[in-house]
């Protein structure tokens, strides 16, 4: 699996697709820190059909991963820069592109759990630096659900 060699690198989340391919989310050091979403086959080899040689562009520092019914990958992300905030990032099935929506939170908040409801809404749990545990629900469109 791709890593930063001797520099600090780590995984935040992991998911296994229905076809056995493994998606890992994390951060690697290649001179400067790079957030990454990597997919490997069941044999552990980088999946060259995903993104650029098995790695996809990101919208922040990924922490969790769930798979959508359309084959895309949805993840919570911590936006890069200060202040950091939660974001919902959707990556295409082939890792060629991503979209970001649902930014919420404040400085140093972190999203640590994510799950889809049966109706397609996304529930995200995490930590708000000022108030402790937090749960936010996003609609199937990726934006905050004001009815929750």
N, C-alpha and C. Protein backbone atom coordinates (compact mmCIF):
# COMPACT_ATOMS: atom_id res chain seq x y z
N UNK A 1 0.83 -1.18 0.00
CA UNK A 1 0.00 0.00 0.00
C UNK A 1 0.87 1.24 0.00
N UNK A 2 0.39 2.28 -0.62
CA UNK A 2 1.15 3.52 -0.71
C UNK A 2 1.25 4.17 0.66
N UNK A 3 2.46 4.62 0.98
CA UNK A 3 2.65 5.38 2.21
C UNK A 3 3.73 6.42 1.97
N UNK A 4 4.07 7.13 3.00
CA UNK A 4 5.06 8.19 2.86
C UNK A 4 6.47 7.75 3.14
N UNK A 5 6.73 6.46 3.11
CA UNK A 5 8.08 5.97 3.38
C UNK A 5 8.41 6.13 4.85
N UNK A 6 9.48 6.84 5.15
CA UNK A 6 9.89 6.98 6.54
C UNK A 6 9.16 8.11 7.26
N UNK A 7 8.41 8.91 6.53
CA UNK A 7 7.67 10.03 7.13
C UNK A 7 6.38 9.51 7.79
N UNK A 8 5.79 10.34 8.61
CA UNK A 8 4.57 9.96 9.33
C UNK A 8 3.39 9.76 8.38
N UNK A 9 2.81 8.57 8.39
CA UNK A 9 1.65 8.25 7.57
C UNK A 9 0.72 7.38 8.40
N UNK A 10 -0.60 7.54 8.19
CA UNK A 10 -1.54 6.75 8.98
C UNK A 10 -2.88 6.68 8.29
N UNK A 11 -3.65 5.63 8.65
CA UNK A 11 -4.99 5.45 8.12
C UNK A 11 -6.00 5.88 9.16
N UNK A 12 -7.08 6.54 8.70
CA UNK A 12 -8.18 6.95 9.57
C UNK A 12 -9.36 6.01 9.47
N UNK A 13 -9.62 5.51 8.28
CA UNK A 13 -10.80 4.69 8.06
C UNK A 13 -10.54 3.63 7.03
N UNK A 14 -11.44 2.64 7.01
CA UNK A 14 -11.29 1.51 6.12
C UNK A 14 -12.66 0.98 5.76
N UNK A 15 -12.84 0.57 4.52
CA UNK A 15 -14.09 -0.04 4.09
C UNK A 15 -13.81 -1.08 3.03
N UNK A 16 -14.67 -2.09 2.97
CA UNK A 16 -14.53 -3.14 1.96
C UNK A 16 -15.76 -3.10 1.07
N UNK A 17 -15.55 -2.91 -0.23
CA UNK A 17 -16.64 -2.86 -1.19
C UNK A 17 -17.20 -4.27 -1.42
N UNK A 18 -18.40 -4.34 -2.00
CA UNK A 18 -19.05 -5.63 -2.24
C UNK A 18 -18.23 -6.53 -3.18
N UNK A 19 -17.36 -5.94 -4.01
CA UNK A 19 -16.52 -6.74 -4.90
C UNK A 19 -15.20 -7.16 -4.26
N UNK A 20 -15.02 -6.86 -2.97
CA UNK A 20 -13.82 -7.26 -2.24
C UNK A 20 -12.70 -6.24 -2.26
N UNK A 21 -12.85 -5.16 -3.03
CA UNK A 21 -11.81 -4.13 -3.05
C UNK A 21 -11.84 -3.36 -1.73
N UNK A 22 -10.68 -2.93 -1.30
CA UNK A 22 -10.52 -2.27 0.00
C UNK A 22 -10.20 -0.81 -0.21
N UNK A 23 -10.92 0.06 0.49
CA UNK A 23 -10.69 1.50 0.43
C UNK A 23 -10.18 1.95 1.79
N UNK A 24 -9.05 2.65 1.79
CA UNK A 24 -8.49 3.19 3.02
C UNK A 24 -8.42 4.71 2.91
N UNK A 25 -8.66 5.36 4.01
CA UNK A 25 -8.59 6.81 4.07
C UNK A 25 -7.49 7.18 5.04
N UNK A 26 -6.79 8.27 4.77
CA UNK A 26 -5.73 8.65 5.69
C UNK A 26 -4.91 9.81 5.23
N UNK A 27 -3.68 9.80 5.67
CA UNK A 27 -2.78 10.91 5.41
C UNK A 27 -1.38 10.33 5.23
N UNK A 28 -0.64 10.87 4.28
CA UNK A 28 0.72 10.42 4.03
C UNK A 28 1.63 11.63 3.89
N UNK A 29 2.88 11.45 4.20
CA UNK A 29 3.87 12.52 4.08
C UNK A 29 4.73 12.25 2.85
N UNK A 30 4.68 13.13 1.88
CA UNK A 30 5.55 13.08 0.71
C UNK A 30 6.22 14.46 0.61
N UNK A 31 7.04 14.81 1.58
CA UNK A 31 7.60 16.15 1.65
C UNK A 31 6.64 17.07 2.40
N UNK A 32 5.37 17.09 1.97
CA UNK A 32 4.33 17.80 2.71
C UNK A 32 3.17 16.82 2.90
N UNK A 33 2.33 17.08 3.88
CA UNK A 33 1.22 16.17 4.19
C UNK A 33 0.23 16.13 3.04
N UNK A 34 -0.23 14.94 2.68
CA UNK A 34 -1.20 14.75 1.61
C UNK A 34 -2.32 13.85 2.14
N UNK A 35 -3.56 14.33 2.08
CA UNK A 35 -4.69 13.49 2.44
C UNK A 35 -4.92 12.54 1.29
N UNK A 36 -5.32 11.31 1.60
CA UNK A 36 -5.46 10.36 0.51
C UNK A 36 -6.63 9.41 0.71
N UNK A 37 -7.15 8.96 -0.39
CA UNK A 37 -8.15 7.91 -0.46
C UNK A 37 -7.57 6.89 -1.43
N UNK A 38 -7.28 5.70 -0.92
CA UNK A 38 -6.58 4.69 -1.70
C UNK A 38 -7.46 3.46 -1.82
N UNK A 39 -7.45 2.82 -3.02
CA UNK A 39 -8.19 1.57 -3.19
C UNK A 39 -7.22 0.50 -3.67
N UNK A 40 -7.32 -0.67 -3.03
CA UNK A 40 -6.51 -1.82 -3.41
C UNK A 40 -7.43 -2.99 -3.69
N UNK A 41 -6.93 -3.95 -4.46
CA UNK A 41 -7.68 -5.16 -4.72
C UNK A 41 -7.61 -6.08 -3.51
N UNK A 42 -8.34 -7.19 -3.56
CA UNK A 42 -8.34 -8.13 -2.44
C UNK A 42 -6.96 -8.74 -2.22
N UNK A 43 -6.05 -8.59 -3.21
CA UNK A 43 -4.69 -9.09 -3.06
C UNK A 43 -3.74 -8.04 -2.47
N UNK A 44 -4.24 -6.83 -2.21
CA UNK A 44 -3.44 -5.77 -1.62
C UNK A 44 -2.72 -4.88 -2.61
N UNK A 45 -2.80 -5.20 -3.90
CA UNK A 45 -2.16 -4.37 -4.93
C UNK A 45 -3.01 -3.14 -5.23
N UNK A 46 -2.36 -2.00 -5.45
CA UNK A 46 -3.09 -0.79 -5.81
C UNK A 46 -3.98 -1.04 -7.01
N UNK A 47 -5.20 -0.53 -6.97
CA UNK A 47 -6.18 -0.69 -8.04
C UNK A 47 -5.96 0.42 -9.07
N UNK A 48 -5.27 0.11 -10.16
CA UNK A 48 -4.94 1.10 -11.18
C UNK A 48 -6.17 1.69 -11.86
N UNK A 49 -7.34 1.05 -11.75
CA UNK A 49 -8.56 1.58 -12.37
C UNK A 49 -9.23 2.65 -11.51
N UNK A 50 -8.66 2.95 -10.35
CA UNK A 50 -9.22 3.91 -9.42
C UNK A 50 -8.33 5.14 -9.35
N UNK A 51 -8.90 6.30 -9.67
CA UNK A 51 -8.16 7.56 -9.58
C UNK A 51 -6.88 7.54 -10.38
N UNK A 52 -5.81 7.97 -9.76
CA UNK A 52 -4.49 7.97 -10.38
C UNK A 52 -3.65 6.90 -9.70
N UNK A 53 -3.50 5.77 -10.36
CA UNK A 53 -2.72 4.64 -9.83
C UNK A 53 -3.20 4.19 -8.45
N UNK A 54 -4.53 4.18 -8.24
CA UNK A 54 -5.09 3.66 -7.00
C UNK A 54 -5.39 4.70 -5.94
N UNK A 55 -5.07 5.97 -6.21
CA UNK A 55 -5.31 7.03 -5.24
C UNK A 55 -6.18 8.11 -5.85
N UNK A 56 -7.13 8.63 -5.07
CA UNK A 56 -8.05 9.64 -5.56
C UNK A 56 -7.76 11.00 -4.93
N UNK A 57 -8.18 12.05 -5.64
CA UNK A 57 -8.15 13.40 -5.07
C UNK A 57 -9.07 13.46 -3.86
N UNK A 58 -8.84 14.42 -3.01
CA UNK A 58 -9.61 14.52 -1.77
C UNK A 58 -10.12 15.93 -1.55
N UNK A 59 -11.07 16.06 -0.63
CA UNK A 59 -11.57 17.38 -0.27
C UNK A 59 -11.19 17.72 1.16
N UNK A 60 -10.30 16.98 1.73
CA UNK A 60 -9.87 17.22 3.11
C UNK A 60 -9.25 15.96 3.67
N UNK A 61 -9.03 15.96 4.94
CA UNK A 61 -8.45 14.81 5.61
C UNK A 61 -9.55 13.82 5.96
N UNK A 62 -9.66 12.75 5.18
CA UNK A 62 -10.73 11.77 5.36
C UNK A 62 -10.64 11.08 6.71
N UNK A 63 -11.81 10.73 7.26
CA UNK A 63 -11.81 9.98 8.51
C UNK A 63 -12.66 8.73 8.46
N UNK A 64 -13.66 8.66 7.63
CA UNK A 64 -14.56 7.51 7.54
C UNK A 64 -14.95 7.29 6.10
N UNK A 65 -15.46 6.09 5.82
CA UNK A 65 -15.88 5.81 4.46
C UNK A 65 -17.10 4.89 4.48
N UNK A 66 -18.08 5.22 3.63
CA UNK A 66 -19.24 4.36 3.39
C UNK A 66 -19.47 4.33 1.89
N UNK A 67 -20.13 3.27 1.42
CA UNK A 67 -20.33 3.10 -0.01
C UNK A 67 -21.79 3.36 -0.36
N UNK A 68 -22.01 4.19 -1.37
CA UNK A 68 -23.34 4.53 -1.83
C UNK A 68 -23.88 3.43 -2.74
N UNK A 69 -25.19 3.37 -2.87
CA UNK A 69 -25.81 2.36 -3.73
C UNK A 69 -25.42 2.53 -5.20
N UNK A 70 -25.01 3.74 -5.60
CA UNK A 70 -24.61 3.98 -7.00
C UNK A 70 -23.13 3.66 -7.26
N UNK A 71 -22.43 3.14 -6.25
CA UNK A 71 -21.03 2.78 -6.40
C UNK A 71 -20.05 3.86 -5.99
N UNK A 72 -20.55 5.06 -5.72
CA UNK A 72 -19.65 6.12 -5.29
C UNK A 72 -19.29 5.91 -3.81
N UNK A 73 -18.28 6.64 -3.38
CA UNK A 73 -17.77 6.53 -2.02
C UNK A 73 -18.07 7.85 -1.32
N UNK A 74 -18.69 7.77 -0.15
CA UNK A 74 -18.95 8.96 0.64
C UNK A 74 -18.11 8.88 1.91
N UNK A 75 -17.53 9.99 2.26
CA UNK A 75 -16.69 10.04 3.45
C UNK A 75 -16.90 11.34 4.19
N UNK A 76 -16.72 11.28 5.48
CA UNK A 76 -16.60 12.52 6.23
C UNK A 76 -15.17 12.97 6.05
N UNK A 77 -14.96 14.25 6.09
CA UNK A 77 -13.63 14.79 5.95
C UNK A 77 -13.49 15.97 6.88
N UNK A 78 -12.28 16.23 7.29
CA UNK A 78 -11.98 17.43 8.04
C UNK A 78 -11.35 18.36 7.03
N UNK A 79 -11.95 19.53 6.83
CA UNK A 79 -11.44 20.46 5.83
C UNK A 79 -10.02 20.86 6.17
N UNK A 80 -9.25 21.11 5.13
CA UNK A 80 -7.87 21.52 5.34
C UNK A 80 -7.82 22.98 5.73
N UNK A 81 -6.86 23.36 6.54
CA UNK A 81 -6.69 24.73 6.97
C UNK A 81 -7.36 24.99 8.32
N UNK A 82 -7.27 26.20 8.76
CA UNK A 82 -7.83 26.61 10.04
C UNK A 82 -8.86 27.68 9.77
N UNK A 83 -10.09 27.65 10.28
CA UNK A 83 -10.56 26.58 11.16
C UNK A 83 -10.88 25.31 10.37
N UNK A 84 -10.77 24.20 11.05
CA UNK A 84 -11.15 22.93 10.43
C UNK A 84 -12.64 22.70 10.69
N UNK A 85 -13.32 22.10 9.72
CA UNK A 85 -14.74 21.82 9.86
C UNK A 85 -15.06 20.48 9.21
N UNK A 86 -16.21 19.90 9.56
CA UNK A 86 -16.66 18.67 8.92
C UNK A 86 -17.10 18.98 7.51
N UNK A 87 -16.86 18.06 6.62
CA UNK A 87 -17.37 18.16 5.26
C UNK A 87 -17.80 16.76 4.82
N UNK A 88 -18.73 16.70 3.90
CA UNK A 88 -19.12 15.45 3.28
C UNK A 88 -18.49 15.44 1.90
N UNK A 89 -17.74 14.40 1.61
CA UNK A 89 -17.04 14.30 0.34
C UNK A 89 -17.53 13.06 -0.39
N UNK A 90 -17.93 13.21 -1.63
CA UNK A 90 -18.41 12.10 -2.44
C UNK A 90 -17.44 11.91 -3.60
N UNK A 91 -16.88 10.70 -3.69
CA UNK A 91 -15.90 10.37 -4.73
C UNK A 91 -16.57 9.44 -5.73
N UNK A 92 -16.35 9.69 -7.01
CA UNK A 92 -16.96 8.86 -8.05
C UNK A 92 -16.48 7.41 -7.95
N UNK A 93 -17.26 6.46 -8.49
CA UNK A 93 -16.90 5.04 -8.39
C UNK A 93 -15.50 4.71 -8.92
N UNK A 94 -15.04 5.46 -9.93
CA UNK A 94 -13.71 5.19 -10.47
C UNK A 94 -12.63 6.11 -9.88
N UNK A 95 -13.02 6.93 -8.88
CA UNK A 95 -12.05 7.79 -8.21
C UNK A 95 -11.58 8.97 -9.03
N UNK A 96 -12.26 9.25 -10.15
CA UNK A 96 -11.82 10.31 -11.05
C UNK A 96 -12.13 11.70 -10.54
N UNK A 97 -13.10 11.86 -9.67
CA UNK A 97 -13.46 13.20 -9.21
C UNK A 97 -14.23 13.15 -7.91
N UNK A 98 -14.34 14.30 -7.28
CA UNK A 98 -15.07 14.37 -6.02
C UNK A 98 -15.89 15.64 -5.96
N UNK A 99 -16.87 15.63 -5.07
CA UNK A 99 -17.63 16.84 -4.79
C UNK A 99 -17.71 16.99 -3.28
N UNK A 100 -17.83 18.21 -2.83
CA UNK A 100 -17.88 18.49 -1.40
C UNK A 100 -19.16 19.24 -1.09
N UNK A 101 -19.80 18.86 0.00
CA UNK A 101 -20.98 19.58 0.46
C UNK A 101 -21.07 19.43 1.96
N UNK A 102 -22.09 20.01 2.55
CA UNK A 102 -22.40 19.79 3.95
C UNK A 102 -21.40 20.27 4.95
N UNK A 103 -20.66 21.35 4.69
CA UNK A 103 -19.68 21.83 5.64
C UNK A 103 -20.38 22.37 6.88
N UNK A 104 -19.92 21.92 8.04
CA UNK A 104 -20.47 22.38 9.30
C UNK A 104 -19.40 22.29 10.38
N UNK A 105 -19.70 22.80 11.54
CA UNK A 105 -18.77 22.70 12.67
C UNK A 105 -17.93 23.95 12.79
N UNK A 106 -16.90 23.84 13.60
CA UNK A 106 -16.02 24.96 13.87
C UNK A 106 -14.61 24.47 14.12
N UNK A 107 -13.76 25.34 14.59
CA UNK A 107 -12.35 25.03 14.78
C UNK A 107 -12.13 23.73 15.52
N UNK A 108 -11.35 22.86 14.93
CA UNK A 108 -10.90 21.60 15.52
C UNK A 108 -12.01 20.60 15.82
N UNK A 109 -13.18 20.75 15.21
CA UNK A 109 -14.21 19.71 15.32
C UNK A 109 -13.76 18.51 14.50
N UNK A 110 -14.22 17.33 14.86
CA UNK A 110 -13.85 16.15 14.09
C UNK A 110 -15.03 15.20 13.98
N UNK A 111 -15.19 14.62 12.80
CA UNK A 111 -16.22 13.62 12.55
C UNK A 111 -15.56 12.25 12.67
N UNK A 112 -16.15 11.37 13.47
CA UNK A 112 -15.50 10.08 13.74
C UNK A 112 -16.33 8.87 13.36
N UNK A 113 -17.60 9.05 12.97
CA UNK A 113 -18.45 7.93 12.59
C UNK A 113 -19.45 8.39 11.54
N UNK A 114 -19.82 7.49 10.63
CA UNK A 114 -20.75 7.85 9.55
C UNK A 114 -21.54 6.61 9.15
N UNK A 115 -22.83 6.82 8.84
CA UNK A 115 -23.68 5.71 8.39
C UNK A 115 -24.83 6.27 7.57
N UNK A 116 -25.27 5.49 6.57
CA UNK A 116 -26.44 5.85 5.79
C UNK A 116 -27.69 5.30 6.47
N UNK A 117 -28.76 6.08 6.48
CA UNK A 117 -30.08 5.60 6.87
C UNK A 117 -30.71 4.94 5.65
N UNK A 118 -31.78 4.17 5.85
CA UNK A 118 -32.47 3.49 4.74
C UNK A 118 -32.99 4.49 3.71
N UNK A 119 -33.32 5.72 4.12
CA UNK A 119 -33.86 6.72 3.19
C UNK A 119 -32.77 7.52 2.46
N UNK A 120 -31.50 7.14 2.62
CA UNK A 120 -30.41 7.80 1.92
C UNK A 120 -29.80 8.96 2.67
N UNK A 121 -30.36 9.32 3.82
CA UNK A 121 -29.77 10.40 4.61
C UNK A 121 -28.54 9.87 5.34
N UNK A 122 -27.58 10.75 5.55
CA UNK A 122 -26.31 10.39 6.15
C UNK A 122 -26.25 10.94 7.57
N UNK A 123 -25.95 10.08 8.53
CA UNK A 123 -25.81 10.50 9.92
C UNK A 123 -24.32 10.47 10.26
N UNK A 124 -23.84 11.58 10.81
CA UNK A 124 -22.43 11.71 11.14
C UNK A 124 -22.30 12.02 12.63
N UNK A 125 -21.44 11.28 13.28
CA UNK A 125 -21.16 11.53 14.70
C UNK A 125 -19.73 11.99 14.85
N UNK A 126 -19.51 12.78 15.86
CA UNK A 126 -18.16 13.27 16.08
C UNK A 126 -18.05 14.07 17.34
N UNK A 127 -17.11 14.99 17.32
CA UNK A 127 -16.82 15.80 18.50
C UNK A 127 -16.80 17.27 18.12
N UNK A 128 -17.50 18.05 18.93
CA UNK A 128 -17.44 19.50 18.83
C UNK A 128 -16.52 19.96 19.95
N UNK A 129 -15.47 20.68 19.61
CA UNK A 129 -14.45 21.05 20.58
C UNK A 129 -15.02 21.80 21.79
N UNK A 130 -16.10 22.55 21.61
CA UNK A 130 -16.67 23.32 22.71
C UNK A 130 -17.78 22.61 23.45
N UNK A 131 -18.44 21.65 22.81
CA UNK A 131 -19.65 21.07 23.39
C UNK A 131 -19.62 19.56 23.54
N UNK A 132 -18.54 18.89 23.18
CA UNK A 132 -18.45 17.44 23.33
C UNK A 132 -19.04 16.69 22.16
N UNK A 133 -19.68 15.54 22.42
CA UNK A 133 -20.22 14.71 21.34
C UNK A 133 -21.25 15.46 20.50
N UNK A 134 -21.26 15.14 19.21
CA UNK A 134 -22.20 15.80 18.30
C UNK A 134 -22.70 14.80 17.27
N UNK A 135 -23.96 14.97 16.86
CA UNK A 135 -24.54 14.17 15.79
C UNK A 135 -25.21 15.14 14.82
N UNK A 136 -24.90 14.96 13.54
CA UNK A 136 -25.47 15.81 12.49
C UNK A 136 -26.04 14.87 11.43
N UNK A 137 -27.21 15.22 10.89
CA UNK A 137 -27.76 14.43 9.79
C UNK A 137 -27.78 15.29 8.53
N UNK A 138 -27.34 14.67 7.45
CA UNK A 138 -27.32 15.33 6.15
C UNK A 138 -28.36 14.66 5.27
N UNK A 139 -29.05 15.45 4.46
CA UNK A 139 -30.03 14.90 3.52
C UNK A 139 -29.33 14.11 2.42
N UNK A 140 -30.11 13.42 1.59
CA UNK A 140 -29.53 12.63 0.51
C UNK A 140 -28.81 13.51 -0.52
N UNK A 141 -29.04 14.84 -0.44
CA UNK A 141 -28.35 15.78 -1.32
C UNK A 141 -27.00 16.21 -0.76
N UNK A 142 -26.65 15.74 0.45
CA UNK A 142 -25.36 16.07 1.05
C UNK A 142 -25.34 17.32 1.90
N UNK A 143 -26.47 18.00 2.05
CA UNK A 143 -26.52 19.22 2.85
C UNK A 143 -27.21 18.94 4.17
N UNK A 144 -26.93 19.74 5.18
CA UNK A 144 -27.48 19.55 6.53
C UNK A 144 -28.99 19.48 6.48
N UNK A 145 -29.54 18.49 7.20
CA UNK A 145 -30.99 18.29 7.28
C UNK A 145 -31.53 19.12 8.44
N UNK A 146 -32.22 20.24 8.15
CA UNK A 146 -32.70 21.13 9.23
C UNK A 146 -33.82 20.51 10.07
N UNK A 147 -34.42 19.39 9.61
CA UNK A 147 -35.49 18.76 10.39
C UNK A 147 -34.95 17.88 11.50
N UNK A 148 -33.63 17.68 11.56
CA UNK A 148 -33.04 16.82 12.58
C UNK A 148 -32.58 17.64 13.76
